[in-house]
């Protein structure tokens, strides 16, 4: 009888422990869509375009300065 009482108490304790609340799970990462790679490529292309435009502006300013006869900076 002692074994039956002990096993019943052990099962009750394990059941209570298994049903106790634990830490909440981490939130899932935002879902990736099919368009994410294309968006990253567009962002990269926009960065390259701004670099090219800055370089063109600098070149244009240098040409204008030479036409006016200003000294180069």
C-alpha atoms as a PDB file:
ATOM      1  CA  UNK A   1       0.000   0.000   0.000  1.00  0.00           C
ATOM      2  CA  UNK A   2       2.806   2.373   0.723  1.00  0.00           C
ATOM      3  CA  UNK A   3       4.048   2.100  -2.852  1.00  0.00           C
ATOM      4  CA  UNK A   4       0.628   2.977  -4.228  1.00  0.00           C
ATOM      5  CA  UNK A   5       0.334   6.010  -1.920  1.00  0.00           C
ATOM      6  CA  UNK A   6       3.859   7.145  -2.760  1.00  0.00           C
ATOM      7  CA  UNK A   7       3.345   6.771  -6.512  1.00  0.00           C
ATOM      8  CA  UNK A   8       0.000   8.623  -6.310  1.00  0.00           C
ATOM      9  CA  UNK A   9       1.612  11.521  -4.467  1.00  0.00           C
ATOM     10  CA  UNK A  10       4.531  11.525  -6.900  1.00  0.00           C
ATOM     11  CA  UNK A  11       2.210  11.589  -9.917  1.00  0.00           C
ATOM     12  CA  UNK A  12       0.157  14.391  -8.370  1.00  0.00           C
ATOM     13  CA  UNK A  13       3.286  16.447  -7.729  1.00  0.00           C
ATOM     14  CA  UNK A  14       4.592  15.878 -11.258  1.00  0.00           C
ATOM     15  CA  UNK A  15       1.212  16.756 -12.778  1.00  0.00           C
ATOM     16  CA  UNK A  16       1.050  19.965 -10.736  1.00  0.00           C
ATOM     17  CA  UNK A  17       4.581  20.886 -11.732  1.00  0.00           C
ATOM     18  CA  UNK A  18       3.921  20.187 -15.414  1.00  0.00           C
ATOM     19  CA  UNK A  19       0.801  22.365 -15.458  1.00  0.00           C
ATOM     20  CA  UNK A  20       2.346  25.345 -13.692  1.00  0.00           C
ATOM     21  CA  UNK A  21       2.805  28.446 -15.849  1.00  0.00           C
ATOM     22  CA  UNK A  22       6.244  29.030 -17.289  1.00  0.00           C
ATOM     23  CA  UNK A  23       7.876  32.032 -18.900  1.00  0.00           C
ATOM     24  CA  UNK A  24       6.022  33.290 -21.983  1.00  0.00           C
ATOM     25  CA  UNK A  25       7.603  32.272 -25.277  1.00  0.00           C
ATOM     26  CA  UNK A  26       9.512  34.794 -27.341  1.00  0.00           C
ATOM     27  CA  UNK A  27       7.376  36.637 -29.879  1.00  0.00           C
ATOM     28  CA  UNK A  28       7.732  35.261 -33.390  1.00  0.00           C
ATOM     29  CA  UNK A  29       9.896  37.235 -35.817  1.00  0.00           C
ATOM     30  CA  UNK A  30       8.058  39.331 -38.382  1.00  0.00           C
ATOM     31  CA  UNK A  31       7.008  37.255 -41.337  1.00  0.00           C
ATOM     32  CA  UNK A  32       9.237  37.426 -44.378  1.00  0.00           C
ATOM     33  CA  UNK A  33       7.536  38.068 -47.643  1.00  0.00           C
ATOM     34  CA  UNK A  34       8.491  37.310 -51.195  1.00  0.00           C
ATOM     35  CA  UNK A  35       9.101  41.024 -51.764  1.00  0.00           C
ATOM     36  CA  UNK A  36      11.787  41.466 -49.062  1.00  0.00           C
ATOM     37  CA  UNK A  37      14.758  40.646 -51.360  1.00  0.00           C
ATOM     38  CA  UNK A  38      13.431  43.031 -53.992  1.00  0.00           C
ATOM     39  CA  UNK A  39      12.960  45.784 -51.420  1.00  0.00           C
ATOM     40  CA  UNK A  40      16.514  45.398 -50.188  1.00  0.00           C
ATOM     41  CA  UNK A  41      17.793  45.578 -53.771  1.00  0.00           C
ATOM     42  CA  UNK A  42      15.748  48.737 -54.368  1.00  0.00           C
ATOM     43  CA  UNK A  43      17.169  50.329 -51.206  1.00  0.00           C
ATOM     44  CA  UNK A  44      20.672  49.426 -52.336  1.00  0.00           C
ATOM     45  CA  UNK A  45      20.007  50.889 -55.803  1.00  0.00           C
ATOM     46  CA  UNK A  46      18.705  54.108 -54.250  1.00  0.00           C
ATOM     47  CA  UNK A  47      21.923  54.397 -52.234  1.00  0.00           C
ATOM     48  CA  UNK A  48      24.028  53.925 -55.357  1.00  0.00           C
ATOM     49  CA  UNK A  49      21.914  56.475 -57.232  1.00  0.00           C
ATOM     50  CA  UNK A  50      22.431  59.098 -54.530  1.00  0.00           C
ATOM     51  CA  UNK A  51      26.185  58.469 -54.623  1.00  0.00           C
ATOM     52  CA  UNK A  52      26.255  58.870 -58.405  1.00  0.00           C
ATOM     53  CA  UNK A  53      24.205  62.081 -58.193  1.00  0.00           C
ATOM     54  CA  UNK A  54      26.548  63.533 -55.551  1.00  0.00           C
ATOM     55  CA  UNK A  55      29.553  62.711 -57.701  1.00  0.00           C
ATOM     56  CA  UNK A  56      27.904  64.298 -60.753  1.00  0.00           C
ATOM     57  CA  UNK A  57      27.142  67.456 -58.757  1.00  0.00           C
ATOM     58  CA  UNK A  58      30.749  67.672 -57.554  1.00  0.00           C
ATOM     59  CA  UNK A  59      32.023  67.251 -61.112  1.00  0.00           C
ATOM     60  CA  UNK A  60      29.580  69.858 -62.391  1.00  0.00           C
ATOM     61  CA  UNK A  61      30.702  72.333 -59.719  1.00  0.00           C
ATOM     62  CA  UNK A  62      34.368  71.715 -60.551  1.00  0.00           C
ATOM     63  CA  UNK A  63      33.716  72.331 -64.276  1.00  0.00           C
ATOM     64  CA  UNK A  64      31.796  75.523 -63.517  1.00  0.00           C
ATOM     65  CA  UNK A  65      34.611  76.730 -61.277  1.00  0.00           C
ATOM     66  CA  UNK A  66      37.203  76.100 -64.021  1.00  0.00           C
ATOM     67  CA  UNK A  67      35.091  77.926 -66.581  1.00  0.00           C
ATOM     68  CA  UNK A  68      34.912  80.975 -64.321  1.00  0.00           C
ATOM     69  CA  UNK A  69      38.657  80.812 -63.749  1.00  0.00           C
ATOM     70  CA  UNK A  70      38.373  80.173 -60.024  1.00  0.00           C
ATOM     71  CA  UNK A  71      41.170  78.330 -58.301  1.00  0.00           C
ATOM     72  CA  UNK A  72      40.472  74.686 -57.565  1.00  0.00           C
ATOM     73  CA  UNK A  73      39.675  73.947 -53.918  1.00  0.00           C
END
